[in-house]
Structure formats: structure tokens, C-alpha cells
Amino acid sequence: MSDAQQRKDQTHLLLTMTLIVLETVWTNSSFLSSLTFIFLKCTISSFKALNVSTVLCFTCNLFLSFSIKISKDGTKLLLTMAPKDQTDIYLYDLNTRKINKITDYSGIDVNGNFIDDDKRIAFVSDRLGSPDIFAQGIYDKSFEKLVYHGKNKNSISTYDNYIVYSSREADSEFGRNTFNLYLISTKTDYLRQLTATGENLYPRFAKDPDTIMFIKQFGNQSALGIIRLNANKTYHFQLKTGKLQSIDWWFFKKSML
């Protein structure tokens, strides 16, 4: 494993574990500061990743972090945060320990993802009225709308210049809405529908562009969906009880088993 990949995996683990701890202890604020400090100290010491401590503490102090994405070389993080009760996307440089605000909108900007060799970001915003997908340069305030199909594009995942997103197909007056997954490219007009029925939500690219994981909801149950793009096949692994609410490829890494 390369040094960059190892650093990226360690950073991902640190951030994921920190957010789990924050979510667990936030209901009892009297314990938050001490537990978070002890956790950060132990975790950072174990991984010898002292340069990550600043962003972790920054995230803790600002309380809200919906989304964290890591650049290819493992040196930059995209953070979705709301330090002033309004979500925006920030770039944190692990080498310089500096954080820069990328989006600046009075509404909602969330789910930032690196695209186009980490030179731009794709994100979900309601700046044109309803949730849609936009792109913006890392150091450029101008933006463009990327998708003109469907409604309420509320979740995305990227792999270089490819974007998979969930889109509401129609309003349902008497039943559940239909959400389908689509795949597009930032370089061409390529558009591919990946699902046809049901509620297909929260797509996540694997480490290769051929595999996508997502959640499929039906009634009061849910299933883990896996799409193999090159084979044009979709697999569903249904839960016997309970419902899936979020997923991440990290928990499926062999190194975690």
C-alpha cells in the first residue's frame, strides 16, 4: 500500500471514529469535552497522525459535520459544516493546517465531493429552489448546474469525473415516491439510469469506478444494494429487521475484519 493511500485510510478511520463518538455522547453534553479529548488523544497517538488533530478539534468545536471526503493523495479534506447555522463546504489542508470556505451561499450547500482530479467539487445545493447538483472550482466562486434530469437530487458520490446521484422521479400523492440512481460524466453528456423502481438512496462509489453501493427502501424494510456497472448487474441484500440509514465502504475493507 502506498504512503498516500495509507495516510488516506488512517485519516478516514480517525474521522469516522470521531464522528461516531460525537454522535454517541452529544446527548450528554457534560461528558462531551472530556470524552472527546481522551478519544482524540488516544486515537491520534495510536496512528501517529498528529497533523489530523487540528481538523478533528475544529470539527468538534463547530459541532456539525454532515460529510467528509478525502483527496486522492490524502492531504486535503472536504468538510460540510454549519459553524453559523448555515451549511457550506470547506477545504482543510492537512499539511498547512488551514481551512478555506469554498461555497458561500445563504441556503444549503452539502455533500461536497472531489471531481476532475481533485481540482473541482460537486455538491448538492438548493440555490435554484430545489436540491440539485452543482460543480465549482476549489478556488473559484463561479458554479454550474450539472444535472437537468429529475427532481430533488439529494445525495451524490463521485469517482474522478463520474457522478452517481439519487433523483426523485415523481411526486406521489397517495404512496411513497420513486427515487432512482443515475450515472453521469463531467466530461461528456453521458447519462445512464441504474435503477428502475423503488426508493434507491445514498449511492457510494467503491475504490474502483465499476462498483456502487446504495440503500434500497421498500415499505418498512431496507436492503443493501450493490451495482456492478461493467457486468450490468444489481444485487440486493435485504435486512431481516430494521432499516439502513447510512453506509460507507470503509466498513467493508478487509483490514477492518
C-alpha atoms as a PDB file:
ATOM      1  CA  MET A   1       0.000   0.000   0.000  1.00  0.00           C
ATOM      2  CA  SER A   2       1.396   3.445  -0.927  1.00  0.00           C
ATOM      3  CA  ASP A   3       2.146   6.058   1.731  1.00  0.00           C
ATOM      4  CA  ALA A   4      -0.593   8.311   0.315  1.00  0.00           C
ATOM      5  CA  GLN A   5      -3.192   5.529   0.440  1.00  0.00           C
ATOM      6  CA  GLN A   6      -2.157   4.511   3.962  1.00  0.00           C
ATOM      7  CA  ARG A   7      -2.411   8.098   5.115  1.00  0.00           C
ATOM      8  CA  LYS A   8      -5.808   8.458   3.486  1.00  0.00           C
ATOM      9  CA  ASP A   9      -7.101   5.294   5.174  1.00  0.00           C
ATOM     10  CA  GLN A  10      -5.799   6.392   8.568  1.00  0.00           C
ATOM     11  CA  THR A  11      -7.378   9.821   8.161  1.00  0.00           C
ATOM     12  CA  HIS A  12     -10.690   8.246   7.171  1.00  0.00           C
ATOM     13  CA  LEU A  13     -10.629   5.956  10.196  1.00  0.00           C
ATOM     14  CA  LEU A  14      -9.849   8.812  12.569  1.00  0.00           C
ATOM     15  CA  LEU A  15     -12.649  10.985  11.250  1.00  0.00           C
ATOM     16  CA  THR A  16     -15.191   8.166  11.135  1.00  0.00           C
ATOM     17  CA  MET A  17     -14.477   7.060  14.687  1.00  0.00           C
ATOM     18  CA  THR A  18     -14.540  10.628  15.962  1.00  0.00           C
ATOM     19  CA  LEU A  19     -17.959  11.299  14.465  1.00  0.00           C
ATOM     20  CA  ILE A  20     -19.285   8.073  15.992  1.00  0.00           C
ATOM     21  CA  VAL A  21     -18.081   9.186  19.419  1.00  0.00           C
ATOM     22  CA  LEU A  22     -19.557  12.667  18.958  1.00  0.00           C
ATOM     23  CA  GLU A  23     -22.923  11.253  17.935  1.00  0.00           C
ATOM     24  CA  THR A  24     -22.900   8.896  20.920  1.00  0.00           C
ATOM     25  CA  VAL A  25     -22.016  11.381  23.639  1.00  0.00           C
ATOM     26  CA  TRP A  26     -23.668  14.554  22.342  1.00  0.00           C
ATOM     27  CA  THR A  27     -26.906  13.782  24.179  1.00  0.00           C
ATOM     28  CA  ASN A  28     -24.987  14.237  27.435  1.00  0.00           C
ATOM     29  CA  SER A  29     -23.047  17.451  26.921  1.00  0.00           C
ATOM     30  CA  SER A  30     -21.475  17.361  30.393  1.00  0.00           C
ATOM     31  CA  PHE A  31     -19.283  14.475  29.246  1.00  0.00           C
ATOM     32  CA  LEU A  32     -18.590  15.723  25.713  1.00  0.00           C
ATOM     33  CA  SER A  33     -15.401  17.697  26.274  1.00  0.00           C
ATOM     34  CA  SER A  34     -13.594  15.147  28.441  1.00  0.00           C
ATOM     35  CA  LEU A  35     -14.589  12.090  26.401  1.00  0.00           C
ATOM     36  CA  THR A  36     -13.746  13.724  23.071  1.00  0.00           C
ATOM     37  CA  PHE A  37     -10.364  14.916  24.342  1.00  0.00           C
ATOM     38  CA  ILE A  38      -9.427  11.470  25.680  1.00  0.00           C
ATOM     39  CA  PHE A  39     -10.596   9.776  22.482  1.00  0.00           C
ATOM     40  CA  LEU A  40      -8.684  12.155  20.234  1.00  0.00           C
ATOM     41  CA  LYS A  41      -5.515  11.857  22.285  1.00  0.00           C
ATOM     42  CA  CYS A  42      -5.563   8.052  22.267  1.00  0.00           C
ATOM     43  CA  THR A  43      -6.546   7.696  18.595  1.00  0.00           C
ATOM     44  CA  ILE A  44      -4.076  10.250  17.290  1.00  0.00           C
ATOM     45  CA  SER A  45      -1.278   8.756  19.394  1.00  0.00           C
ATOM     46  CA  SER A  46      -2.039   5.265  18.087  1.00  0.00           C
ATOM     47  CA  PHE A  47      -1.860   6.320  14.441  1.00  0.00           C
ATOM     48  CA  LYS A  48       0.912   8.921  14.860  1.00  0.00           C
ATOM     49  CA  ALA A  49      -1.216  11.320  12.801  1.00  0.00           C
ATOM     50  CA  LEU A  50      -0.734  14.476  14.848  1.00  0.00           C
ATOM     51  CA  ASN A  51      -1.461  16.698  11.856  1.00  0.00           C
ATOM     52  CA  VAL A  52      -5.058  15.453  11.859  1.00  0.00           C
ATOM     53  CA  SER A  53      -5.758  16.695  15.379  1.00  0.00           C
ATOM     54  CA  THR A  54      -6.478  20.274  14.335  1.00  0.00           C
ATOM     55  CA  VAL A  55      -9.240  19.370  11.909  1.00  0.00           C
ATOM     56  CA  LEU A  56     -10.772  16.908  14.377  1.00  0.00           C
ATOM     57  CA  CYS A  57     -10.896  19.505  17.124  1.00  0.00           C
ATOM     58  CA  PHE A  58     -12.171  22.076  14.635  1.00  0.00           C
ATOM     59  CA  THR A  59     -14.990  19.731  13.682  1.00  0.00           C
ATOM     60  CA  CYS A  60     -15.815  19.094  17.350  1.00  0.00           C
ATOM     61  CA  ASN A  61     -15.909  22.794  18.197  1.00  0.00           C
ATOM     62  CA  LEU A  62     -18.204  23.631  15.283  1.00  0.00           C
ATOM     63  CA  PHE A  63     -20.456  20.702  16.209  1.00  0.00           C
ATOM     64  CA  LEU A  64     -21.938  20.000  12.809  1.00  0.00           C
ATOM     65  CA  SER A  65     -20.255  17.931  10.095  1.00  0.00           C
ATOM     66  CA  PHE A  66     -22.516  16.083   7.656  1.00  0.00           C
ATOM     67  CA  SER A  67     -19.941  14.959   5.137  1.00  0.00           C
ATOM     68  CA  ILE A  68     -16.199  14.330   4.970  1.00  0.00           C
ATOM     69  CA  LYS A  69     -14.334  13.469   1.755  1.00  0.00           C
ATOM     70  CA  ILE A  70     -10.611  12.853   1.321  1.00  0.00           C
ATOM     71  CA  SER A  71      -8.487  13.831  -1.683  1.00  0.00           C
ATOM     72  CA  LYS A  72      -6.624  11.216  -3.722  1.00  0.00           C
ATOM     73  CA  ASP A  73      -3.279  11.984  -2.092  1.00  0.00           C
ATOM     74  CA  GLY A  74      -4.779  12.059   1.394  1.00  0.00           C
ATOM     75  CA  THR A  75      -3.655  15.621   2.145  1.00  0.00           C
ATOM     76  CA  LYS A  76      -6.958  17.513   1.846  1.00  0.00           C
ATOM     77  CA  LEU A  77     -10.437  17.108   3.309  1.00  0.00           C
ATOM     78  CA  LEU A  78     -13.801  18.389   2.132  1.00  0.00           C
ATOM     79  CA  LEU A  79     -15.984  19.173   5.131  1.00  0.00           C
ATOM     80  CA  THR A  80     -19.665  20.052   5.122  1.00  0.00           C
ATOM     81  CA  MET A  81     -20.223  22.184   8.216  1.00  0.00           C
ATOM     82  CA  ALA A  82     -22.521  24.822   9.672  1.00  0.00           C
ATOM     83  CA  PRO A  83     -20.468  26.979  12.047  1.00  0.00           C
ATOM     84  CA  LYS A  84     -23.081  29.745  11.817  1.00  0.00           C
ATOM     85  CA  ASP A  85     -26.203  27.601  11.421  1.00  0.00           C
ATOM     86  CA  GLN A  86     -25.867  27.589   7.633  1.00  0.00           C
ATOM     87  CA  THR A  87     -24.246  24.660   5.840  1.00  0.00           C
ATOM     88  CA  ASP A  88     -21.326  25.299   3.492  1.00  0.00           C
ATOM     89  CA  ILE A  89     -18.395  23.286   2.163  1.00  0.00           C
ATOM     90  CA  TYR A  90     -14.866  23.836   3.429  1.00  0.00           C
ATOM     91  CA  LEU A  91     -11.437  22.626   2.319  1.00  0.00           C
ATOM     92  CA  TYR A  92      -8.951  21.639   5.020  1.00  0.00           C
ATOM     93  CA  ASP A  93      -5.270  21.173   4.138  1.00  0.00           C
ATOM     94  CA  LEU A  94      -3.612  18.632   6.424  1.00  0.00           C
ATOM     95  CA  ASN A  95      -0.113  19.901   5.549  1.00  0.00           C
ATOM     96  CA  THR A  96      -0.680  23.606   6.215  1.00  0.00           C
ATOM     97  CA  ARG A  97      -3.494  23.058   8.760  1.00  0.00           C
ATOM     98  CA  LYS A  98      -5.507  25.794   7.083  1.00  0.00           C
ATOM     99  CA  ILE A  99      -9.208  25.694   6.301  1.00  0.00           C
ATOM    100  CA  ASN A 100     -10.849  27.623   3.468  1.00  0.00           C
ATOM    101  CA  LYS A 101     -14.523  28.163   2.779  1.00  0.00           C
ATOM    102  CA  ILE A 102     -15.336  27.025  -0.770  1.00  0.00           C
ATOM    103  CA  THR A 103     -19.065  27.690  -1.101  1.00  0.00           C
ATOM    104  CA  ASP A 104     -20.715  30.827   0.194  1.00  0.00           C
ATOM    105  CA  TYR A 105     -24.485  30.680  -0.089  1.00  0.00           C
ATOM    106  CA  SER A 106     -27.255  31.736   2.285  1.00  0.00           C
ATOM    107  CA  GLY A 107     -29.159  28.490   1.649  1.00  0.00           C
ATOM    108  CA  ILE A 108     -27.989  24.883   1.811  1.00  0.00           C
ATOM    109  CA  ASP A 109     -24.723  23.547   0.337  1.00  0.00           C
ATOM    110  CA  VAL A 110     -23.963  19.951   1.374  1.00  0.00           C
ATOM    111  CA  ASN A 111     -22.376  16.651   0.333  1.00  0.00           C
ATOM    112  CA  GLY A 112     -19.201  18.063  -1.244  1.00  0.00           C
ATOM    113  CA  ASN A 113     -17.196  15.572  -3.349  1.00  0.00           C
ATOM    114  CA  PHE A 114     -13.909  15.955  -5.215  1.00  0.00           C
ATOM    115  CA  ILE A 115     -14.138  15.672  -9.025  1.00  0.00           C
ATOM    116  CA  ASP A 116     -11.906  16.190 -12.064  1.00  0.00           C
ATOM    117  CA  ASP A 117      -8.596  15.164 -10.470  1.00  0.00           C
ATOM    118  CA  ASP A 118      -9.485  16.999  -7.225  1.00  0.00           C
ATOM    119  CA  LYS A 119      -9.488  20.374  -8.997  1.00  0.00           C
ATOM    120  CA  ARG A 120     -13.239  20.896  -8.596  1.00  0.00           C
ATOM    121  CA  ILE A 121     -16.050  19.800  -6.300  1.00  0.00           C
ATOM    122  CA  ALA A 122     -19.558  18.541  -6.947  1.00  0.00           C
ATOM    123  CA  PHE A 123     -22.176  19.245  -4.297  1.00  0.00           C
ATOM    124  CA  VAL A 124     -25.903  19.402  -3.576  1.00  0.00           C
ATOM    125  CA  SER A 125     -27.498  22.823  -3.176  1.00  0.00           C
ATOM    126  CA  ASP A 126     -30.936  24.436  -3.144  1.00  0.00           C
ATOM    127  CA  ARG A 127     -29.633  27.698  -4.619  1.00  0.00           C
ATOM    128  CA  LEU A 128     -32.044  27.420  -7.577  1.00  0.00           C
ATOM    129  CA  GLY A 129     -35.064  26.500  -5.468  1.00  0.00           C
ATOM    130  CA  SER A 130     -34.879  22.717  -5.024  1.00  0.00           C
ATOM    131  CA  PRO A 131     -31.989  20.349  -4.231  1.00  0.00           C
ATOM    132  CA  ASP A 132     -29.808  19.942  -7.307  1.00  0.00           C
ATOM    133  CA  ILE A 133     -26.234  19.069  -8.255  1.00  0.00           C
ATOM    134  CA  PHE A 134     -23.649  21.761  -8.958  1.00  0.00           C
ATOM    135  CA  ALA A 135     -19.914  21.979  -9.632  1.00  0.00           C
ATOM    136  CA  GLN A 136     -17.424  24.612  -8.569  1.00  0.00           C
ATOM    137  CA  GLY A 137     -13.662  25.063  -8.707  1.00  0.00           C
ATOM    138  CA  ILE A 138     -11.732  24.687  -5.465  1.00  0.00           C
ATOM    139  CA  TYR A 139     -10.502  28.270  -5.695  1.00  0.00           C
ATOM    140  CA  ASP A 140     -13.233  29.643  -7.959  1.00  0.00           C
ATOM    141  CA  LYS A 141     -16.547  31.041  -6.717  1.00  0.00           C
ATOM    142  CA  SER A 142     -18.348  30.556 -10.053  1.00  0.00           C
ATOM    143  CA  PHE A 143     -20.556  27.473 -10.258  1.00  0.00           C
ATOM    144  CA  GLU A 144     -22.520  25.464 -12.817  1.00  0.00           C
ATOM    145  CA  LYS A 145     -25.523  23.182 -12.686  1.00  0.00           C
ATOM    146  CA  LEU A 146     -24.596  19.641 -13.722  1.00  0.00           C
ATOM    147  CA  VAL A 147     -27.929  17.791 -13.896  1.00  0.00           C
ATOM    148  CA  TYR A 148     -31.116  18.756 -15.710  1.00  0.00           C
ATOM    149  CA  HIS A 149     -32.982  15.493 -15.222  1.00  0.00           C
ATOM    150  CA  GLY A 150     -35.333  14.551 -12.380  1.00  0.00           C
ATOM    151  CA  LYS A 151     -36.165  16.307  -9.123  1.00  0.00           C
ATOM    152  CA  ASN A 152     -34.771  16.567  -5.625  1.00  0.00           C
ATOM    153  CA  LYS A 153     -31.245  15.231  -6.192  1.00  0.00           C
ATOM    154  CA  ASN A 154     -30.427  14.755  -2.515  1.00  0.00           C
ATOM    155  CA  SER A 155     -27.326  12.533  -2.463  1.00  0.00           C
ATOM    156  CA  ILE A 156     -24.263  12.044  -4.667  1.00  0.00           C
ATOM    157  CA  SER A 157     -20.960  10.184  -4.825  1.00  0.00           C
ATOM    158  CA  THR A 158     -18.053  10.735  -7.202  1.00  0.00           C
ATOM    159  CA  TYR A 159     -15.120   8.949  -8.771  1.00  0.00           C
ATOM    160  CA  ASP A 160     -12.871  11.394 -10.634  1.00  0.00           C
ATOM    161  CA  ASN A 161     -15.128  12.718 -13.421  1.00  0.00           C
ATOM    162  CA  TYR A 162     -18.067  10.349 -12.768  1.00  0.00           C
ATOM    163  CA  ILE A 163     -21.004  11.232 -10.522  1.00  0.00           C
ATOM    164  CA  VAL A 164     -23.732   8.897  -9.294  1.00  0.00           C
ATOM    165  CA  TYR A 165     -26.792  10.531  -7.772  1.00  0.00           C
ATOM    166  CA  SER A 166     -30.245   9.748  -6.440  1.00  0.00           C
ATOM    167  CA  SER A 167     -33.163  11.587  -8.046  1.00  0.00           C
ATOM    168  CA  ARG A 168     -36.863  11.712  -7.206  1.00  0.00           C
ATOM    169  CA  GLU A 169     -38.815  10.714 -10.295  1.00  0.00           C
ATOM    170  CA  ALA A 170     -42.296  11.929  -9.387  1.00  0.00           C
ATOM    171  CA  ASP A 171     -44.439  13.226  -6.549  1.00  0.00           C
ATOM    172  CA  SER A 172     -46.727  10.608  -5.076  1.00  0.00           C
ATOM    173  CA  GLU A 173     -49.985  11.833  -3.553  1.00  0.00           C
ATOM    174  CA  PHE A 174     -51.032   8.503  -2.079  1.00  0.00           C
ATOM    175  CA  GLY A 175     -47.860   6.462  -1.687  1.00  0.00           C
ATOM    176  CA  ARG A 176     -44.099   6.548  -1.473  1.00  0.00           C
ATOM    177  CA  ASN A 177     -42.035   8.442  -4.015  1.00  0.00           C
ATOM    178  CA  THR A 178     -39.727   6.735  -6.501  1.00  0.00           C
ATOM    179  CA  PHE A 179     -36.031   7.557  -6.277  1.00  0.00           C
ATOM    180  CA  ASN A 180     -33.699   6.217  -8.959  1.00  0.00           C
ATOM    181  CA  LEU A 181     -29.946   6.271  -9.368  1.00  0.00           C
ATOM    182  CA  TYR A 182     -28.226   7.829 -12.372  1.00  0.00           C
ATOM    183  CA  LEU A 183     -24.618   7.993 -13.520  1.00  0.00           C
ATOM    184  CA  ILE A 184     -23.181  10.990 -15.389  1.00  0.00           C
ATOM    185  CA  SER A 185     -19.785  12.245 -16.525  1.00  0.00           C
ATOM    186  CA  THR A 186     -18.462  15.772 -16.055  1.00  0.00           C
ATOM    187  CA  LYS A 187     -16.572  15.483 -19.354  1.00  0.00           C
ATOM    188  CA  THR A 188     -19.399  14.394 -21.699  1.00  0.00           C
ATOM    189  CA  ASP A 189     -23.205  14.267 -21.974  1.00  0.00           C
ATOM    190  CA  TYR A 190     -23.154  10.658 -20.739  1.00  0.00           C
ATOM    191  CA  LEU A 191     -26.278   9.722 -18.706  1.00  0.00           C
ATOM    192  CA  ARG A 192     -27.088   6.182 -17.545  1.00  0.00           C
ATOM    193  CA  GLN A 193     -30.078   5.097 -15.458  1.00  0.00           C
ATOM    194  CA  LEU A 194     -29.006   2.482 -12.903  1.00  0.00           C
ATOM    195  CA  THR A 195     -32.296   1.595 -11.158  1.00  0.00           C
ATOM    196  CA  ALA A 196     -35.932   1.496 -12.229  1.00  0.00           C
ATOM    197  CA  THR A 197     -38.226   1.033  -9.219  1.00  0.00           C
ATOM    198  CA  GLY A 198     -38.454   1.760  -5.501  1.00  0.00           C
ATOM    199  CA  GLU A 199     -36.506   4.173  -3.317  1.00  0.00           C
ATOM    200  CA  ASN A 200     -32.813   3.925  -4.168  1.00  0.00           C
ATOM    201  CA  LEU A 201     -30.796   6.243  -1.949  1.00  0.00           C
ATOM    202  CA  TYR A 202     -27.323   7.248  -0.752  1.00  0.00           C
ATOM    203  CA  PRO A 203     -25.094   5.829  -3.526  1.00  0.00           C
ATOM    204  CA  ARG A 204     -21.396   5.325  -2.748  1.00  0.00           C
ATOM    205  CA  PHE A 205     -18.607   4.543  -5.214  1.00  0.00           C
ATOM    206  CA  ALA A 206     -16.123   1.846  -4.235  1.00  0.00           C
ATOM    207  CA  LYS A 207     -12.371   2.385  -4.747  1.00  0.00           C
ATOM    208  CA  ASP A 208     -12.911   1.498  -8.392  1.00  0.00           C
ATOM    209  CA  PRO A 209     -15.449   3.100 -10.734  1.00  0.00           C
ATOM    210  CA  ASP A 210     -17.115  -0.234 -11.508  1.00  0.00           C
ATOM    211  CA  THR A 211     -18.906  -0.785  -8.196  1.00  0.00           C
ATOM    212  CA  ILE A 212     -21.561   1.286  -6.438  1.00  0.00           C
ATOM    213  CA  MET A 213     -23.243   0.579  -3.114  1.00  0.00           C
ATOM    214  CA  PHE A 214     -26.613   2.067  -2.144  1.00  0.00           C
ATOM    215  CA  ILE A 215     -29.641   1.675   0.134  1.00  0.00           C
ATOM    216  CA  LYS A 216     -32.933   0.391  -1.253  1.00  0.00           C
ATOM    217  CA  GLN A 217     -36.036   1.089   0.837  1.00  0.00           C
ATOM    218  CA  PHE A 218     -39.285  -0.823   0.423  1.00  0.00           C
ATOM    219  CA  GLY A 219     -42.103  -0.492   2.928  1.00  0.00           C
ATOM    220  CA  ASN A 220     -40.664  -0.654   6.423  1.00  0.00           C
ATOM    221  CA  GLN A 221     -37.631  -2.648   5.334  1.00  0.00           C
ATOM    222  CA  SER A 222     -34.424  -1.914   3.523  1.00  0.00           C
ATOM    223  CA  ALA A 223     -31.656  -3.673   1.644  1.00  0.00           C
ATOM    224  CA  LEU A 224     -28.036  -3.076   0.797  1.00  0.00           C
ATOM    225  CA  GLY A 225     -27.686  -2.749  -2.969  1.00  0.00           C
ATOM    226  CA  ILE A 226     -24.536  -3.419  -4.993  1.00  0.00           C
ATOM    227  CA  ILE A 227     -24.287  -2.368  -8.663  1.00  0.00           C
ATOM    228  CA  ARG A 228     -21.563  -3.822 -10.906  1.00  0.00           C
ATOM    229  CA  LEU A 229     -21.512  -1.398 -13.816  1.00  0.00           C
ATOM    230  CA  ASN A 230     -19.420  -3.357 -16.321  1.00  0.00           C
ATOM    231  CA  ALA A 231     -21.426  -6.532 -15.730  1.00  0.00           C
ATOM    232  CA  ASN A 232     -24.714  -4.579 -15.787  1.00  0.00           C
ATOM    233  CA  LYS A 233     -25.909  -6.433 -12.685  1.00  0.00           C
ATOM    234  CA  THR A 234     -27.510  -5.329  -9.408  1.00  0.00           C
ATOM    235  CA  TYR A 235     -27.600  -7.331  -6.177  1.00  0.00           C
ATOM    236  CA  HIS A 236     -29.776  -6.756  -3.101  1.00  0.00           C
ATOM    237  CA  PHE A 237     -29.043  -7.983   0.428  1.00  0.00           C
ATOM    238  CA  GLN A 238     -32.187  -7.487   2.478  1.00  0.00           C
ATOM    239  CA  LEU A 239     -32.174  -6.855   6.213  1.00  0.00           C
ATOM    240  CA  LYS A 240     -34.434  -9.165   8.193  1.00  0.00           C
ATOM    241  CA  THR A 241     -35.165  -6.456  10.757  1.00  0.00           C
ATOM    242  CA  GLY A 242     -34.547  -2.734  10.998  1.00  0.00           C
ATOM    243  CA  LYS A 243     -33.714  -0.154   8.350  1.00  0.00           C
ATOM    244  CA  LEU A 244     -30.442   1.068   6.897  1.00  0.00           C
ATOM    245  CA  GLN A 245     -29.949   4.810   7.254  1.00  0.00           C
ATOM    246  CA  SER A 246     -26.355   5.337   6.115  1.00  0.00           C
ATOM    247  CA  ILE A 247     -23.485   3.334   4.623  1.00  0.00           C
ATOM    248  CA  ASP A 248     -19.795   3.662   3.864  1.00  0.00           C
ATOM    249  CA  TRP A 249     -17.330   1.433   2.054  1.00  0.00           C
ATOM    250  CA  TRP A 250     -14.860   1.744   4.940  1.00  0.00           C
ATOM    251  CA  PHE A 251     -16.674  -0.872   6.990  1.00  0.00           C
ATOM    252  CA  PHE A 252     -16.249  -3.418   4.189  1.00  0.00           C
ATOM    253  CA  LYS A 253     -12.445  -3.148   3.991  1.00  0.00           C
ATOM    254  CA  LYS A 254     -10.623  -6.405   4.684  1.00  0.00           C
ATOM    255  CA  SER A 255      -8.251  -4.575   7.005  1.00  0.00           C
ATOM    256  CA  MET A 256     -11.163  -3.892   9.348  1.00  0.00           C
ATOM    257  CA  LEU A 257     -12.278  -7.527   9.604  1.00  0.00           C
END
